[in-house]
Protein backbone atom coordinates (compact mmCIF):
# COMPACT_ATOMS: atom_id res chain seq x y z
CA MET A 1 52.93 -116.47 -95.45
CA ILE A 2 51.32 -113.06 -95.95
CA SER A 3 48.47 -111.42 -94.06
CA THR A 4 45.69 -110.60 -96.55
CA GLU A 5 44.87 -107.36 -94.73
CA GLU A 6 48.55 -106.19 -94.75
CA MET A 7 48.95 -107.11 -98.42
CA LEU A 8 45.84 -105.14 -99.37
CA LYS A 9 47.16 -102.09 -97.40
CA VAL A 10 50.28 -102.26 -99.59
CA PHE A 11 48.25 -102.66 -102.78
CA ALA A 12 46.00 -99.73 -101.87
CA ARG A 13 48.97 -97.34 -102.21
CA HIS A 14 49.34 -98.47 -105.87
CA ARG A 15 45.70 -98.81 -106.89
CA GLY A 16 45.36 -95.47 -108.70
CA ASP A 17 41.95 -95.34 -110.39
CA ALA A 18 41.71 -99.04 -111.01
CA LEU A 19 38.37 -100.83 -110.82
CA VAL A 20 38.68 -103.52 -108.12
CA VAL A 21 36.80 -106.79 -107.79
CA PRO A 22 37.92 -107.61 -104.22
CA GLY A 23 36.87 -111.27 -104.21
CA ARG A 24 38.34 -113.10 -101.25
CA GLY A 25 39.97 -109.97 -99.94
CA GLY A 26 36.59 -108.20 -99.79
CA ARG A 27 36.05 -108.07 -96.07
CA TYR A 28 39.25 -106.12 -95.63
CA TRP A 29 39.00 -104.14 -98.87
CA VAL A 30 35.69 -102.50 -97.98
CA LYS A 31 37.43 -100.88 -95.00
CA LEU A 32 40.63 -99.93 -96.92
CA SER A 33 39.27 -98.64 -100.20
CA ASP A 34 39.27 -94.93 -100.71
CA LYS A 35 37.21 -95.26 -103.92
CA PRO A 36 34.27 -97.57 -103.04
CA ALA A 37 32.33 -96.48 -106.11
CA ARG A 38 35.07 -98.10 -108.23
CA ASP A 39 34.82 -101.41 -106.29
CA VAL A 40 32.56 -104.33 -107.32
CA PRO A 41 32.34 -106.75 -104.41
CA LEU A 42 30.60 -109.93 -105.54
CA GLY A 43 30.60 -111.66 -102.13
CA ASP A 44 30.90 -115.33 -101.16
CA PRO A 45 28.29 -116.73 -103.53
CA ALA A 46 30.59 -115.94 -106.49
CA MET A 47 32.96 -118.87 -105.82
CA GLY A 48 34.72 -119.65 -109.06
CA GLY A 49 33.38 -116.55 -110.82
CA HIS A 50 35.46 -113.61 -109.71
CA ALA A 51 38.08 -113.83 -112.43
CA MET A 52 35.55 -114.28 -115.24
CA PHE A 53 33.50 -111.34 -113.98
CA ALA A 54 36.62 -109.14 -113.74
CA PHE A 55 37.77 -110.27 -117.19
CA GLY A 56 34.37 -109.20 -118.63
CA LEU A 57 34.69 -105.87 -116.91
CA ALA A 58 38.20 -105.44 -118.38
CA LEU A 59 36.88 -106.09 -121.87
CA ALA A 60 33.99 -103.71 -121.35
CA ARG A 61 36.22 -100.93 -119.92
CA PRO A 62 39.57 -101.12 -121.78
CA GLN A 63 40.40 -97.56 -120.64
CA ASN A 64 40.35 -98.65 -116.97
CA LYS A 65 42.74 -100.98 -115.13
CA VAL A 66 40.79 -103.85 -113.64
CA VAL A 67 42.13 -105.71 -110.61
CA VAL A 68 40.68 -108.94 -109.21
CA PHE A 69 41.62 -110.61 -105.88
CA ASP A 70 40.78 -114.22 -106.64
CA SER A 71 41.56 -117.25 -104.45
CA ASP A 72 43.17 -120.58 -105.06
CA GLY A 73 39.90 -122.39 -104.46
CA ASP A 74 38.04 -120.14 -106.82
CA LEU A 75 40.68 -120.56 -109.46
CA GLN A 76 40.67 -124.36 -109.17
CA MET A 77 36.91 -124.27 -109.80
CA SER A 78 37.50 -122.55 -113.15
CA LEU A 79 41.09 -123.05 -114.36
CA GLY A 80 39.95 -122.64 -117.97
CA VAL A 81 39.48 -118.97 -117.32
CA LEU A 82 43.30 -118.54 -117.52
CA ALA A 83 43.46 -119.67 -121.15
CA THR A 84 40.47 -117.50 -122.09
CA ILE A 85 41.98 -114.39 -120.46
CA ALA A 86 45.38 -115.05 -122.01
CA GLU A 87 43.86 -115.54 -125.46
CA HIS A 88 42.16 -112.14 -125.35
CA SER A 89 45.21 -110.60 -123.57
CA PRO A 90 43.57 -107.50 -122.05
CA LYS A 91 46.27 -104.96 -121.34
CA ASN A 92 44.20 -103.59 -118.43
CA PHE A 93 43.79 -106.87 -116.46
CA TYR A 94 45.59 -107.57 -113.20
CA HIS A 95 44.81 -110.98 -111.60
CA PHE A 96 45.92 -111.53 -108.03
CA VAL A 97 45.33 -114.96 -106.40
CA LEU A 98 45.26 -115.33 -102.65
CA ASP A 99 46.60 -118.83 -102.09
CA ASN A 100 45.68 -120.03 -98.56
CA GLU A 101 45.82 -123.71 -99.58
CA CYS A 102 42.18 -124.32 -98.57
CA TYR A 103 38.52 -123.58 -99.22
CA ALA A 104 38.31 -121.14 -96.27
CA THR A 105 34.71 -120.09 -96.80
CA THR A 106 33.41 -123.66 -96.61
CA GLY A 107 35.29 -124.86 -93.52
CA GLY A 108 38.95 -125.09 -94.48
CA GLN A 109 39.05 -128.22 -96.65
CA PRO A 110 42.38 -128.37 -98.51
CA VAL A 111 42.39 -127.57 -102.19
CA PRO A 112 43.84 -130.33 -104.38
CA ASN A 113 47.65 -130.49 -104.40
CA ALA A 114 47.79 -127.38 -102.20
CA LYS A 115 51.44 -127.67 -101.19
CA LYS A 116 52.86 -128.33 -104.66
CA ILE A 117 50.79 -126.41 -107.21
CA ALA A 118 52.45 -123.37 -108.85
CA TYR A 119 49.63 -121.14 -110.04
CA ASP A 120 52.05 -118.61 -111.53
CA LEU A 121 53.52 -121.29 -113.82
CA ILE A 122 50.03 -122.49 -114.80
CA ALA A 123 49.13 -118.89 -115.75
CA ARG A 124 52.33 -118.47 -117.72
CA GLY A 125 51.70 -121.78 -119.48
CA ALA A 126 48.15 -120.62 -120.30
CA GLY A 127 49.67 -117.53 -121.97
CA TYR A 128 49.72 -114.70 -119.44
CA GLU A 129 52.50 -112.34 -120.42
CA ARG A 130 53.68 -111.74 -116.85
CA SER A 131 53.30 -113.85 -113.74
CA TYR A 132 54.69 -113.63 -110.22
CA ALA A 133 54.64 -115.56 -106.97
CA PHE A 134 55.26 -114.13 -103.52
CA THR A 135 55.51 -115.79 -100.12
CA ASN A 136 56.41 -112.73 -98.02
CA LEU A 137 55.14 -109.19 -97.76
CA GLU A 138 58.51 -107.50 -98.18
CA GLU A 139 59.12 -108.91 -101.64
CA PHE A 140 55.58 -108.04 -102.69
CA THR A 141 55.96 -104.50 -101.31
CA GLY A 142 59.14 -104.05 -103.34
CA ALA A 143 57.55 -105.33 -106.57
CA ILE A 144 53.95 -104.00 -106.59
CA GLY A 145 54.79 -100.57 -108.02
CA ASP A 146 56.49 -102.16 -111.06
CA ILE A 147 53.75 -104.75 -111.40
CA MET A 148 51.00 -102.11 -111.57
CA SER A 149 52.97 -99.81 -113.88
CA GLN A 150 53.25 -102.37 -116.67
CA PRO A 151 50.49 -103.49 -119.01
CA GLY A 152 48.57 -106.68 -118.34
CA PRO A 153 47.44 -109.29 -118.50
CA MET A 154 49.29 -109.89 -115.26
CA PHE A 155 48.98 -112.83 -112.85
CA CYS A 156 50.28 -112.80 -109.29
CA THR A 157 49.87 -115.47 -106.63
CA LEU A 158 50.44 -114.65 -102.98
CA LYS A 159 50.74 -117.30 -100.20
CA VAL A 160 48.41 -115.92 -97.53
CA VAL A 161 47.55 -117.01 -94.02
CA PRO A 162 44.37 -119.17 -94.10
CA GLU A 163 41.47 -117.53 -92.33
CA VAL A 164 38.92 -120.34 -92.13
CA ILE A 165 35.30 -119.40 -91.53
CA ASN A 166 33.37 -122.14 -89.73
CA GLU A 167 30.08 -120.32 -89.28
CA ALA A 168 27.14 -121.21 -91.48
CA ILE A 169 26.79 -118.66 -94.31
CA GLY A 170 23.58 -117.21 -92.92
CA ARG A 171 25.24 -116.58 -89.51
CA ARG A 172 28.44 -114.95 -90.74
CA PRO A 173 29.00 -111.23 -90.15
CA LYS A 174 28.19 -109.28 -93.34
CA TRP A 175 31.17 -107.32 -94.63
CA GLN A 176 29.47 -105.99 -97.72
CA THR A 177 28.10 -102.51 -97.23
CA ARG A 178 26.21 -102.45 -100.53
CA SER A 179 24.17 -104.97 -102.47
CA ARG A 180 25.55 -106.30 -105.75
CA THR A 181 22.90 -104.26 -107.55
CA GLN A 182 23.90 -101.08 -105.66
CA ALA A 183 27.62 -101.71 -106.32
CA ILE A 184 26.96 -101.99 -110.07
CA ALA A 185 24.77 -98.85 -110.02
CA ASP A 186 27.45 -96.94 -108.13
CA LEU A 187 30.09 -98.11 -110.62
CA ARG A 188 27.93 -97.09 -113.62
CA LYS A 189 27.44 -93.64 -112.10
CA GLU A 190 31.18 -93.29 -111.31
CA LEU A 191 32.11 -94.21 -114.90
CA GLY A 192 29.34 -92.10 -116.46
CA VAL A 193 27.62 -95.09 -118.05
CA ALA A 194 23.83 -94.80 -118.55
């Protein structure tokens, strides 16, 4: 299994100017990102919505690569998003799924069929042009440059170490440094959108 933080460190070297919706990797990404104005952290309340939000951003900004770090729990809440994304086939969309086999933000309950499900095959079956699956950091490190250099839509699932949060949502340490409204305002300014 892969450490989410270590995987994001590898990804950061290949980000370029991509817009990033950090999703489940957010608490690490806010510390690693060298372009926070190009990040749109939605936070924990967006369960099931990260991919659709990032897809909308990709459609609105076809000149920018858009990367989302989704999770297996989020994806299972909205599997239909895969067919919708594949149908529109945005060449600037890069969909990474952090598969920790559980709903980590709600106490670690297992996601259905956690040990057997192959998200990369589901994405390919839905129509994604390229899909990958990684279980170790070395293979991911060797492939990420090629993955990011090709057009999307791209889907990549990574088996990551579960980091279960058992604190009530109101008592958890806040990792977001900006509100959702501020993140959107910063992104609009960065992109020169009125």
